[in-house]
N, C-alpha and C. Protein backbone atom coordinates (compact mmCIF):
# COMPACT_ATOMS: atom_id res chain seq x y z
N MET A 1 -1.49 -38.83 43.01
CA MET A 1 -1.26 -39.02 41.60
C MET A 1 -2.35 -38.34 40.78
N ASP A 2 -3.56 -38.42 41.24
CA ASP A 2 -4.68 -37.79 40.56
C ASP A 2 -4.49 -36.28 40.48
N MET A 3 -3.95 -35.69 41.55
CA MET A 3 -3.74 -34.25 41.64
C MET A 3 -2.73 -33.78 40.60
N ARG A 4 -1.63 -34.52 40.39
CA ARG A 4 -0.62 -34.13 39.40
C ARG A 4 -1.20 -34.20 37.99
N PHE A 5 -1.99 -35.21 37.75
CA PHE A 5 -2.62 -35.37 36.43
C PHE A 5 -3.55 -34.19 36.15
N ASP A 6 -4.32 -33.76 37.15
CA ASP A 6 -5.23 -32.63 36.99
C ASP A 6 -4.47 -31.34 36.70
N LYS A 7 -3.35 -31.12 37.42
CA LYS A 7 -2.55 -29.92 37.19
C LYS A 7 -1.94 -29.92 35.79
N LEU A 8 -1.47 -31.06 35.35
CA LEU A 8 -0.91 -31.19 34.01
C LEU A 8 -1.98 -30.90 32.96
N TRP A 9 -3.16 -31.46 33.17
CA TRP A 9 -4.27 -31.26 32.23
C TRP A 9 -4.66 -29.78 32.16
N VAL A 10 -4.77 -29.12 33.32
CA VAL A 10 -5.12 -27.69 33.36
C VAL A 10 -4.03 -26.87 32.67
N GLY A 11 -2.77 -27.20 32.92
CA GLY A 11 -1.66 -26.48 32.29
C GLY A 11 -1.69 -26.61 30.77
N MET A 12 -1.95 -27.82 30.29
CA MET A 12 -2.01 -28.04 28.84
C MET A 12 -3.21 -27.30 28.24
N LEU A 13 -4.32 -27.29 28.95
CA LEU A 13 -5.51 -26.59 28.48
C LEU A 13 -5.26 -25.08 28.41
N LEU A 14 -4.59 -24.54 29.42
CA LEU A 14 -4.25 -23.10 29.41
C LEU A 14 -3.29 -22.77 28.27
N LEU A 15 -2.34 -23.63 28.03
CA LEU A 15 -1.39 -23.42 26.93
C LEU A 15 -2.12 -23.43 25.59
N LEU A 16 -3.01 -24.38 25.41
CA LEU A 16 -3.78 -24.47 24.17
C LEU A 16 -4.67 -23.23 23.99
N LEU A 17 -5.31 -22.80 25.05
CA LEU A 17 -6.17 -21.61 25.00
C LEU A 17 -5.36 -20.37 24.64
N SER A 18 -4.18 -20.20 25.21
CA SER A 18 -3.35 -19.04 24.89
C SER A 18 -2.87 -19.07 23.44
N MET A 19 -2.61 -20.27 22.91
CA MET A 19 -2.19 -20.38 21.51
C MET A 19 -3.35 -20.01 20.57
N VAL A 20 -4.55 -20.43 20.91
CA VAL A 20 -5.73 -20.09 20.09
C VAL A 20 -5.96 -18.58 20.11
N CYS A 21 -5.85 -17.98 21.28
CA CYS A 21 -6.02 -16.51 21.39
C CYS A 21 -4.95 -15.77 20.59
N ALA A 22 -3.72 -16.21 20.65
CA ALA A 22 -2.64 -15.58 19.90
C ALA A 22 -2.89 -15.71 18.40
N PHE A 23 -3.31 -16.88 17.94
CA PHE A 23 -3.61 -17.08 16.52
C PHE A 23 -4.74 -16.15 16.08
N ALA A 24 -5.80 -16.04 16.88
CA ALA A 24 -6.93 -15.17 16.55
C ALA A 24 -6.48 -13.72 16.47
N PHE A 25 -5.66 -13.28 17.41
CA PHE A 25 -5.16 -11.91 17.40
C PHE A 25 -4.35 -11.63 16.13
N VAL A 26 -3.49 -12.55 15.75
CA VAL A 26 -2.67 -12.38 14.54
C VAL A 26 -3.56 -12.28 13.30
N GLN A 27 -4.59 -13.11 13.22
CA GLN A 27 -5.48 -13.07 12.06
C GLN A 27 -6.25 -11.75 11.99
N ILE A 28 -6.74 -11.27 13.12
CA ILE A 28 -7.45 -9.99 13.15
C ILE A 28 -6.50 -8.86 12.78
N TYR A 29 -5.30 -8.85 13.34
CA TYR A 29 -4.31 -7.81 13.05
C TYR A 29 -3.94 -7.83 11.57
N LYS A 30 -3.70 -9.01 11.03
CA LYS A 30 -3.33 -9.13 9.62
C LYS A 30 -4.48 -8.66 8.73
N SER A 31 -5.69 -9.04 9.05
CA SER A 31 -6.85 -8.63 8.27
C SER A 31 -7.00 -7.12 8.27
N GLU A 32 -6.83 -6.49 9.42
CA GLU A 32 -6.96 -5.04 9.52
C GLU A 32 -5.85 -4.33 8.76
N ARG A 33 -4.63 -4.85 8.84
CA ARG A 33 -3.50 -4.23 8.15
C ARG A 33 -3.65 -4.30 6.64
N GLU A 34 -4.26 -5.37 6.14
CA GLU A 34 -4.37 -5.55 4.70
C GLU A 34 -5.71 -5.09 4.15
N ALA A 35 -6.56 -4.52 5.00
CA ALA A 35 -7.87 -4.06 4.54
C ALA A 35 -7.72 -2.86 3.63
N ILE A 36 -8.50 -2.85 2.56
CA ILE A 36 -8.55 -1.72 1.65
C ILE A 36 -9.72 -0.85 2.08
N LYS A 37 -9.46 0.44 2.27
CA LYS A 37 -10.47 1.33 2.82
C LYS A 37 -10.73 2.52 1.90
N GLU A 38 -11.97 2.97 1.89
CA GLU A 38 -12.33 4.13 1.08
C GLU A 38 -11.60 5.36 1.61
N ILE A 39 -11.20 6.24 0.69
CA ILE A 39 -10.45 7.44 1.06
C ILE A 39 -10.97 8.63 0.26
N GLU A 40 -10.95 9.79 0.87
CA GLU A 40 -11.29 11.04 0.18
C GLU A 40 -10.00 11.63 -0.38
N ILE A 41 -10.05 12.05 -1.62
CA ILE A 41 -8.90 12.71 -2.25
C ILE A 41 -8.92 14.17 -1.82
N PRO A 42 -7.77 14.72 -1.38
CA PRO A 42 -7.75 16.14 -0.99
C PRO A 42 -8.25 17.02 -2.14
N SER A 43 -9.00 18.05 -1.78
CA SER A 43 -9.57 18.93 -2.81
C SER A 43 -8.49 19.67 -3.59
N ASN A 44 -7.30 19.81 -3.00
CA ASN A 44 -6.21 20.53 -3.68
C ASN A 44 -5.35 19.61 -4.55
N ALA A 45 -5.73 18.34 -4.67
CA ALA A 45 -4.90 17.38 -5.40
C ALA A 45 -4.81 17.75 -6.88
N ILE A 46 -3.59 17.71 -7.39
CA ILE A 46 -3.31 17.98 -8.79
C ILE A 46 -3.19 16.63 -9.48
N THR A 47 -4.02 16.39 -10.49
CA THR A 47 -3.98 15.12 -11.19
C THR A 47 -2.84 15.12 -12.19
N VAL A 48 -2.01 14.09 -12.14
CA VAL A 48 -0.87 13.94 -13.04
C VAL A 48 -1.06 12.64 -13.80
N ALA A 49 -1.22 12.74 -15.11
CA ALA A 49 -1.42 11.54 -15.92
C ALA A 49 -0.10 10.78 -16.05
N PHE A 50 -0.21 9.47 -16.15
CA PHE A 50 0.94 8.60 -16.35
C PHE A 50 1.62 8.97 -17.66
N PRO A 51 2.94 9.04 -17.76
CA PRO A 51 3.96 8.70 -16.76
C PRO A 51 4.45 9.88 -15.94
N GLY A 52 3.74 11.00 -15.98
CA GLY A 52 4.15 12.16 -15.20
C GLY A 52 4.29 13.38 -16.09
N ASP A 53 4.86 14.44 -15.51
CA ASP A 53 5.09 15.66 -16.26
C ASP A 53 6.55 16.06 -16.12
N ASP A 54 6.89 17.32 -16.35
CA ASP A 54 8.29 17.75 -16.28
C ASP A 54 8.85 17.70 -14.86
N LEU A 55 8.01 17.85 -13.85
CA LEU A 55 8.48 17.91 -12.48
C LEU A 55 8.25 16.63 -11.68
N TYR A 56 7.23 15.87 -12.02
CA TYR A 56 6.89 14.65 -11.30
C TYR A 56 6.89 13.47 -12.25
N LYS A 57 7.53 12.38 -11.83
CA LYS A 57 7.63 11.17 -12.66
C LYS A 57 7.17 9.97 -11.83
N THR A 58 6.62 8.99 -12.51
CA THR A 58 6.18 7.78 -11.83
C THR A 58 6.23 6.59 -12.79
N TRP A 59 6.25 5.42 -12.20
CA TRP A 59 6.22 4.19 -12.99
C TRP A 59 5.61 3.10 -12.13
N LEU A 60 4.84 2.25 -12.75
CA LEU A 60 4.24 1.11 -12.08
C LEU A 60 4.89 -0.14 -12.66
N ASP A 61 5.78 -0.76 -11.89
CA ASP A 61 6.50 -1.95 -12.36
C ASP A 61 5.58 -3.16 -12.46
N SER A 62 4.68 -3.30 -11.49
CA SER A 62 3.75 -4.43 -11.52
C SER A 62 2.45 -4.02 -10.86
N PHE A 63 1.36 -4.61 -11.33
CA PHE A 63 0.04 -4.36 -10.79
C PHE A 63 -0.80 -5.57 -11.15
N SER A 64 -1.27 -6.32 -10.13
CA SER A 64 -1.99 -7.54 -10.43
C SER A 64 -3.00 -7.87 -9.34
N LEU A 65 -3.91 -8.76 -9.70
CA LEU A 65 -4.91 -9.27 -8.77
C LEU A 65 -4.85 -10.79 -8.85
N SER A 66 -4.62 -11.42 -7.70
CA SER A 66 -4.52 -12.87 -7.65
C SER A 66 -5.16 -13.36 -6.35
N ASP A 67 -6.08 -14.31 -6.46
CA ASP A 67 -6.75 -14.89 -5.29
C ASP A 67 -7.36 -13.82 -4.38
N GLY A 68 -7.91 -12.76 -4.96
CA GLY A 68 -8.56 -11.72 -4.18
C GLY A 68 -7.63 -10.70 -3.56
N THR A 69 -6.33 -10.81 -3.81
CA THR A 69 -5.37 -9.86 -3.27
C THR A 69 -4.76 -9.04 -4.40
N VAL A 70 -4.85 -7.73 -4.27
CA VAL A 70 -4.25 -6.84 -5.26
C VAL A 70 -2.84 -6.49 -4.77
N SER A 71 -1.90 -6.39 -5.70
CA SER A 71 -0.54 -5.99 -5.33
C SER A 71 0.02 -5.08 -6.42
N ALA A 72 0.90 -4.19 -5.98
CA ALA A 72 1.51 -3.23 -6.91
C ALA A 72 2.91 -2.89 -6.42
N GLU A 73 3.75 -2.56 -7.36
CA GLU A 73 5.11 -2.12 -7.04
C GLU A 73 5.51 -1.09 -8.07
N GLY A 74 6.17 -0.03 -7.62
CA GLY A 74 6.59 1.01 -8.56
C GLY A 74 7.36 2.11 -7.85
N TRP A 75 7.36 3.27 -8.46
CA TRP A 75 8.04 4.41 -7.87
C TRP A 75 7.38 5.71 -8.34
N ALA A 76 7.57 6.75 -7.55
CA ALA A 76 7.10 8.09 -7.89
C ALA A 76 8.07 9.08 -7.27
N MET A 77 8.39 10.13 -8.01
CA MET A 77 9.37 11.08 -7.48
C MET A 77 9.17 12.46 -8.09
N LYS A 78 9.77 13.42 -7.39
CA LYS A 78 9.83 14.81 -7.85
C LYS A 78 11.24 15.01 -8.39
N VAL A 79 11.36 15.46 -9.63
CA VAL A 79 12.66 15.62 -10.28
C VAL A 79 13.54 16.57 -9.47
N GLY A 80 14.76 16.13 -9.18
CA GLY A 80 15.73 16.95 -8.45
C GLY A 80 15.57 16.95 -6.95
N ASP A 81 14.67 16.14 -6.41
CA ASP A 81 14.39 16.11 -4.97
C ASP A 81 14.63 14.71 -4.44
N ASN A 82 15.45 14.61 -3.39
CA ASN A 82 15.72 13.28 -2.83
C ASN A 82 14.55 12.75 -2.00
N MET A 83 13.52 13.53 -1.88
CA MET A 83 12.28 13.17 -1.22
C MET A 83 12.39 13.02 0.29
N LEU A 84 13.51 13.34 0.85
CA LEU A 84 13.62 13.30 2.30
C LEU A 84 13.17 14.61 2.91
N SER A 85 13.39 15.72 2.19
CA SER A 85 13.07 17.03 2.75
C SER A 85 11.63 17.47 2.45
N SER A 86 11.05 17.03 1.34
CA SER A 86 9.72 17.52 0.98
C SER A 86 8.64 16.45 1.01
N TYR A 87 9.01 15.22 0.81
CA TYR A 87 8.06 14.13 0.69
C TYR A 87 7.48 13.73 2.04
N VAL A 88 6.20 13.60 2.12
CA VAL A 88 5.58 13.20 3.38
C VAL A 88 4.96 11.81 3.29
N ASN A 89 4.11 11.61 2.32
CA ASN A 89 3.31 10.40 2.34
C ASN A 89 2.90 10.02 0.93
N SER A 90 2.79 8.75 0.70
CA SER A 90 2.19 8.28 -0.55
C SER A 90 1.32 7.08 -0.23
N ALA A 91 0.28 6.94 -1.01
CA ALA A 91 -0.63 5.81 -0.82
C ALA A 91 -1.07 5.32 -2.19
N PHE A 92 -0.98 4.01 -2.38
CA PHE A 92 -1.47 3.42 -3.61
C PHE A 92 -2.99 3.32 -3.49
N LEU A 93 -3.68 3.69 -4.56
CA LEU A 93 -5.13 3.73 -4.56
C LEU A 93 -5.72 2.90 -5.69
N LEU A 94 -6.93 2.47 -5.48
CA LEU A 94 -7.74 1.87 -6.54
C LEU A 94 -8.92 2.81 -6.78
N LYS A 95 -9.15 3.15 -8.03
CA LYS A 95 -10.26 4.02 -8.39
C LYS A 95 -11.33 3.18 -9.06
N SER A 96 -12.54 3.18 -8.49
CA SER A 96 -13.64 2.39 -9.04
C SER A 96 -14.24 3.09 -10.26
N GLU A 97 -15.08 2.38 -10.96
CA GLU A 97 -15.77 2.96 -12.11
C GLU A 97 -16.73 4.07 -11.69
N GLU A 98 -17.09 4.10 -10.42
CA GLU A 98 -17.96 5.14 -9.87
C GLU A 98 -17.15 6.31 -9.30
N ASN A 99 -15.83 6.35 -9.58
CA ASN A 99 -14.91 7.39 -9.09
C ASN A 99 -14.78 7.42 -7.57
N VAL A 100 -14.88 6.25 -6.96
CA VAL A 100 -14.62 6.11 -5.53
C VAL A 100 -13.19 5.60 -5.40
N TYR A 101 -12.42 6.21 -4.49
CA TYR A 101 -11.02 5.83 -4.29
C TYR A 101 -10.89 4.98 -3.04
N TYR A 102 -10.06 3.94 -3.15
CA TYR A 102 -9.79 3.03 -2.03
C TYR A 102 -8.29 2.99 -1.79
N LYS A 103 -7.91 3.16 -0.53
CA LYS A 103 -6.49 3.15 -0.15
C LYS A 103 -6.04 1.73 0.14
N VAL A 104 -4.92 1.36 -0.48
CA VAL A 104 -4.31 0.05 -0.31
C VAL A 104 -3.10 0.20 0.60
N LYS A 105 -2.86 -0.76 1.47
CA LYS A 105 -1.67 -0.73 2.35
C LYS A 105 -0.43 -0.50 1.49
N THR A 106 0.31 0.57 1.78
CA THR A 106 1.47 0.96 0.99
C THR A 106 2.68 1.16 1.90
N VAL A 107 3.81 0.62 1.49
CA VAL A 107 5.05 0.83 2.23
C VAL A 107 6.12 1.37 1.28
N LYS A 108 7.00 2.17 1.84
CA LYS A 108 8.11 2.72 1.06
C LYS A 108 9.20 1.67 0.96
N VAL A 109 9.79 1.54 -0.22
CA VAL A 109 10.92 0.64 -0.40
C VAL A 109 12.04 1.42 -1.09
N THR A 110 13.25 1.05 -0.77
CA THR A 110 14.38 1.72 -1.41
C THR A 110 14.70 1.02 -2.73
N THR A 111 15.14 1.83 -3.66
CA THR A 111 15.47 1.32 -4.99
C THR A 111 16.62 2.15 -5.57
N SER A 112 17.57 1.49 -6.17
CA SER A 112 18.68 2.22 -6.82
C SER A 112 18.41 2.42 -8.30
N SER A 113 17.45 1.70 -8.85
CA SER A 113 17.21 1.75 -10.30
C SER A 113 16.76 3.13 -10.77
N VAL A 114 15.98 3.85 -9.97
CA VAL A 114 15.50 5.18 -10.38
C VAL A 114 16.66 6.16 -10.43
N THR A 115 17.51 6.13 -9.41
CA THR A 115 18.70 7.00 -9.39
C THR A 115 19.59 6.69 -10.58
N ASN A 116 19.82 5.42 -10.85
CA ASN A 116 20.67 5.02 -11.98
C ASN A 116 20.07 5.43 -13.32
N TYR A 117 18.75 5.32 -13.45
CA TYR A 117 18.10 5.65 -14.72
C TYR A 117 18.18 7.15 -15.03
N PHE A 118 17.86 7.99 -14.05
CA PHE A 118 17.86 9.44 -14.30
C PHE A 118 19.25 10.04 -14.26
N ALA A 119 20.13 9.51 -13.45
CA ALA A 119 21.54 9.91 -13.39
C ALA A 119 21.73 11.42 -13.47
N ASP A 120 20.96 12.17 -12.66
CA ASP A 120 21.07 13.63 -12.66
C ASP A 120 21.76 14.16 -11.40
N GLY A 121 22.38 13.25 -10.63
CA GLY A 121 23.07 13.65 -9.41
C GLY A 121 22.19 13.62 -8.17
N THR A 122 20.92 13.31 -8.34
CA THR A 122 19.99 13.25 -7.20
C THR A 122 19.80 11.80 -6.79
N ASP A 123 19.74 11.58 -5.48
CA ASP A 123 19.51 10.24 -4.94
C ASP A 123 18.00 10.00 -4.84
N TYR A 124 17.46 9.18 -5.72
CA TYR A 124 16.03 8.86 -5.73
C TYR A 124 15.74 7.51 -5.08
N SER A 125 16.63 7.05 -4.24
CA SER A 125 16.46 5.71 -3.66
C SER A 125 15.22 5.60 -2.77
N ASN A 126 14.64 6.72 -2.35
CA ASN A 126 13.44 6.69 -1.52
C ASN A 126 12.15 6.74 -2.33
N ALA A 127 12.23 6.60 -3.63
CA ALA A 127 11.06 6.77 -4.49
C ALA A 127 10.20 5.51 -4.60
N GLY A 128 10.70 4.36 -4.19
CA GLY A 128 9.98 3.11 -4.41
C GLY A 128 8.83 2.88 -3.44
N PHE A 129 7.85 2.09 -3.89
CA PHE A 129 6.74 1.70 -3.03
C PHE A 129 6.25 0.30 -3.40
N GLN A 130 5.65 -0.35 -2.42
CA GLN A 130 4.96 -1.62 -2.62
C GLN A 130 3.61 -1.50 -1.94
N ALA A 131 2.59 -2.14 -2.54
CA ALA A 131 1.25 -2.09 -1.97
C ALA A 131 0.59 -3.45 -2.14
N TRP A 132 -0.27 -3.80 -1.18
CA TRP A 132 -1.01 -5.05 -1.27
C TRP A 132 -2.22 -4.97 -0.35
N GLY A 133 -3.25 -5.71 -0.71
CA GLY A 133 -4.43 -5.75 0.14
C GLY A 133 -5.51 -6.66 -0.41
N SER A 134 -6.38 -7.08 0.48
CA SER A 134 -7.48 -7.97 0.13
C SER A 134 -8.66 -7.15 -0.41
N MET A 135 -9.19 -7.57 -1.54
CA MET A 135 -10.31 -6.87 -2.16
C MET A 135 -11.66 -7.49 -1.76
N LYS A 136 -11.68 -8.40 -0.81
CA LYS A 136 -12.89 -9.15 -0.50
C LYS A 136 -14.06 -8.27 -0.07
N ASN A 137 -13.80 -7.08 0.48
CA ASN A 137 -14.89 -6.20 0.92
C ASN A 137 -15.26 -5.14 -0.10
N LEU A 138 -14.62 -5.17 -1.27
CA LEU A 138 -14.92 -4.17 -2.30
C LEU A 138 -15.98 -4.69 -3.26
N PRO A 139 -16.78 -3.78 -3.81
CA PRO A 139 -17.75 -4.21 -4.82
C PRO A 139 -17.05 -4.74 -6.06
N LYS A 140 -17.68 -5.67 -6.74
CA LYS A 140 -17.12 -6.20 -7.99
C LYS A 140 -17.08 -5.08 -9.02
N GLY A 141 -16.07 -5.13 -9.88
CA GLY A 141 -15.96 -4.12 -10.93
C GLY A 141 -14.52 -3.94 -11.38
N LYS A 142 -14.34 -2.92 -12.19
CA LYS A 142 -13.04 -2.60 -12.76
C LYS A 142 -12.41 -1.47 -11.93
N TYR A 143 -11.13 -1.62 -11.58
CA TYR A 143 -10.43 -0.64 -10.74
C TYR A 143 -9.16 -0.16 -11.44
N GLN A 144 -8.96 1.16 -11.41
CA GLN A 144 -7.79 1.77 -12.02
C GLN A 144 -6.74 2.04 -10.95
N ALA A 145 -5.48 1.84 -11.31
CA ALA A 145 -4.36 2.08 -10.40
C ALA A 145 -4.08 3.58 -10.31
N CYS A 146 -3.88 4.08 -9.08
CA CYS A 146 -3.54 5.48 -8.83
C CYS A 146 -2.55 5.55 -7.66
N LEU A 147 -1.88 6.66 -7.53
CA LEU A 147 -1.00 6.89 -6.39
C LEU A 147 -1.20 8.31 -5.90
N LEU A 148 -1.48 8.46 -4.61
CA LEU A 148 -1.61 9.77 -4.00
C LEU A 148 -0.27 10.11 -3.35
N PHE A 149 0.30 11.24 -3.75
CA PHE A 149 1.64 11.66 -3.33
C PHE A 149 1.47 13.01 -2.66
N ILE A 150 1.75 13.10 -1.36
CA ILE A 150 1.54 14.34 -0.61
C ILE A 150 2.88 14.84 -0.06
N GLU A 151 3.16 16.12 -0.33
CA GLU A 151 4.40 16.73 0.16
C GLU A 151 4.17 17.39 1.52
N LYS A 152 5.26 17.76 2.20
CA LYS A 152 5.17 18.35 3.53
C LYS A 152 4.34 19.63 3.55
N ASP A 153 4.39 20.38 2.45
CA ASP A 153 3.64 21.64 2.42
C ASP A 153 2.15 21.41 2.14
N GLY A 154 1.73 20.15 2.03
CA GLY A 154 0.33 19.83 1.80
C GLY A 154 -0.05 19.67 0.34
N THR A 155 0.88 19.96 -0.56
CA THR A 155 0.61 19.79 -1.99
C THR A 155 0.37 18.31 -2.28
N ALA A 156 -0.76 18.02 -2.89
CA ALA A 156 -1.11 16.63 -3.19
C ALA A 156 -1.13 16.42 -4.70
N HIS A 157 -0.59 15.31 -5.12
CA HIS A 157 -0.57 14.93 -6.54
C HIS A 157 -1.20 13.55 -6.65
N LEU A 158 -2.12 13.42 -7.58
CA LEU A 158 -2.77 12.16 -7.83
C LEU A 158 -2.28 11.63 -9.17
N PHE A 159 -1.41 10.62 -9.11
CA PHE A 159 -0.91 9.98 -10.32
C PHE A 159 -1.95 8.97 -10.77
N VAL A 160 -2.34 9.05 -12.02
CA VAL A 160 -3.34 8.15 -12.58
C VAL A 160 -2.66 7.29 -13.63
N TYR A 161 -2.60 5.99 -13.37
CA TYR A 161 -1.95 5.06 -14.28
C TYR A 161 -2.96 4.51 -15.30
N ASP A 162 -2.45 4.02 -16.40
CA ASP A 162 -3.32 3.45 -17.43
C ASP A 162 -3.43 1.93 -17.28
N GLN A 163 -3.47 1.46 -16.03
CA GLN A 163 -3.57 0.03 -15.76
C GLN A 163 -4.78 -0.23 -14.87
N TYR A 164 -5.41 -1.39 -15.10
CA TYR A 164 -6.66 -1.75 -14.42
C TYR A 164 -6.62 -3.21 -13.97
N VAL A 165 -7.45 -3.50 -12.96
CA VAL A 165 -7.74 -4.89 -12.58
C VAL A 165 -9.24 -5.05 -12.55
N GLU A 166 -9.69 -6.24 -12.82
CA GLU A 166 -11.12 -6.56 -12.79
C GLU A 166 -11.38 -7.46 -11.60
N TRP A 167 -12.30 -7.06 -10.72
CA TRP A 167 -12.62 -7.83 -9.52
C TRP A 167 -14.00 -8.40 -9.65
């Protein structure tokens, strides 16, 4: 009887240990995924002031800071381009008062509103983005919203929005 109790105890201890390890792994993975990191802007980047120019358009639907987490949602597109053939990458950025850029975790989201708004026969459903990240490792200060938009040919555009958060 003592032997069965010992095996049960060891089994429960191993189960508890594996659950603690899994929880720790998830927390580390989540922290790394949401970390905001310093980034160098390509030297060939063309700065485009909000809301864009004749060829490039952008909009920031939301931009906020709550409980140390910054979040943003919006869209950016090249007029007449469905962004599947030329678009490579975009990253939402925070620009510090010292002109240091920080990359925020950014994912592409589909949206029909841009296509409906421009109604020029082009499908802009790939223009949407969402971004979020923890600012806990960033210096305190005022940060401006930006978006780095890079095409397949290497052409980089830096959209600079007129919106800020204070950390």
